[in-house]
Protein backbone atom coordinates (compact mmCIF):
# COMPACT_ATOMS: atom_id res chain seq x y z
CA MET A 1 0.00 0.00 0.00
CA SER A 2 1.08 3.52 -0.60
CA LYS A 3 2.06 5.79 2.28
CA ARG A 4 1.25 8.88 0.21
CA GLU A 5 -1.64 10.93 1.53
CA ASP A 6 -4.42 11.88 -0.84
CA THR A 7 -4.21 15.48 -1.89
CA PRO A 8 -7.34 17.40 -2.83
CA GLU A 9 -8.17 17.61 -6.51
CA THR A 10 -7.12 20.70 -8.41
CA PRO A 11 -10.08 23.04 -8.88
CA VAL A 12 -11.72 23.30 -12.26
CA GLY A 13 -11.48 26.83 -13.58
CA ARG A 14 -13.78 28.92 -15.71
CA LEU A 15 -11.47 28.59 -18.73
CA ASP A 16 -11.53 24.80 -18.41
CA ARG A 17 -15.31 24.70 -18.44
CA PHE A 18 -15.49 27.12 -21.36
CA LEU A 19 -13.03 25.08 -23.44
CA ALA A 20 -14.73 21.78 -22.61
CA TYR A 21 -18.31 22.83 -23.30
CA THR A 22 -17.45 24.90 -26.37
CA ALA A 23 -15.40 22.09 -27.90
CA LEU A 24 -18.22 19.63 -27.22
CA ALA A 25 -20.87 21.90 -28.71
CA LEU A 26 -18.73 22.75 -31.74
CA ALA A 27 -17.90 19.10 -32.46
CA ALA A 28 -21.55 18.05 -32.05
CA ALA A 29 -22.79 20.82 -34.35
CA SER A 30 -20.13 19.93 -36.92
CA ILE A 31 -21.13 16.27 -36.92
CA ILE A 32 -24.82 17.15 -37.25
CA CYS A 33 -24.02 19.43 -40.19
CA PHE A 34 -21.89 16.69 -41.75
CA PHE A 35 -24.82 14.26 -41.61
CA ALA A 36 -27.17 16.95 -42.95
CA ILE A 37 -24.96 17.29 -46.03
CA ILE A 38 -24.88 13.51 -46.48
CA ILE A 39 -28.67 13.26 -46.18
CA GLY A 40 -29.19 16.23 -48.50
CA THR A 41 -26.94 14.69 -51.14
CA ALA A 42 -28.52 11.24 -50.77
CA THR A 43 -32.04 12.60 -51.26
CA GLY A 44 -31.06 14.03 -54.63
CA MET A 45 -30.63 17.66 -53.71
CA ASP A 46 -29.17 19.65 -56.59
CA GLN A 47 -25.59 20.94 -56.19
CA ARG A 48 -26.78 24.49 -56.91
CA ALA A 49 -29.10 24.33 -53.90
CA PHE A 50 -26.13 23.97 -51.56
CA GLY A 51 -25.01 27.50 -52.45
CA HIS A 52 -28.14 29.24 -51.15
CA GLY A 53 -29.72 29.84 -47.78
CA ALA A 54 -28.11 28.25 -44.73
CA TRP A 55 -26.28 25.55 -46.70
CA PRO A 56 -22.98 27.45 -47.06
CA VAL A 57 -22.79 27.72 -43.26
CA VAL A 58 -23.80 24.06 -42.88
CA ALA A 59 -21.05 23.08 -45.32
CA ALA A 60 -18.37 25.29 -43.72
CA LEU A 61 -19.00 24.29 -40.11
CA PRO A 62 -17.45 20.80 -40.35
CA LEU A 63 -14.46 22.20 -42.24
CA TYR A 64 -13.59 24.70 -39.52
CA GLY A 65 -15.45 23.43 -36.47
CA LEU A 66 -13.87 20.00 -36.08
CA PRO A 67 -10.24 21.22 -36.27
CA LEU A 68 -11.05 24.08 -33.91
CA ALA A 69 -12.68 21.68 -31.43
CA PHE A 70 -9.60 19.45 -31.65
CA VAL A 71 -7.30 22.39 -30.89
CA MET A 72 -9.52 23.39 -27.96
CA ILE A 73 -9.37 19.86 -26.51
CA ILE A 74 -5.56 19.77 -26.86
CA THR A 75 -5.36 23.18 -25.17
CA LEU A 76 -7.56 21.91 -22.34
CA LEU A 77 -5.32 18.89 -21.88
CA ILE A 78 -2.17 21.03 -21.76
CA ILE A 79 -3.72 23.41 -19.22
CA THR A 80 -4.80 20.48 -17.05
CA PHE A 81 -1.39 18.77 -17.18
CA VAL A 82 0.43 21.99 -16.30
CA ARG A 83 -1.94 22.70 -13.40
CA ARG A 84 -1.58 19.18 -12.00
CA GLY A 85 2.19 19.30 -12.39
CA ARG A 86 2.38 22.54 -10.43
CA ALA A 87 0.07 21.11 -7.76
CA ASN A 88 2.26 18.02 -7.41
CA LYS A 89 5.40 20.14 -7.05
CA ARG A 90 3.80 22.12 -4.23
CA SER A 91 2.78 19.06 -2.25
């Protein structure tokens, strides 16, 4: 058994919550838009129809949203590792 005493968990900050929830929402919206494009194409929607209305936004969201969500998750991991490393050095 370990003789090490349990230290309290590092607190979750406002930036951590923002990054986590925003990355989750962005990835979910991107995947929904991706499936909307697949369904629209499978139902025989004309290519010209994708250039009007909300379709340009629906088409652009997976292109930019998924990489941005990935970067946000990596940033969240780095912040968490740095915070835990500093907490371990103090104790």
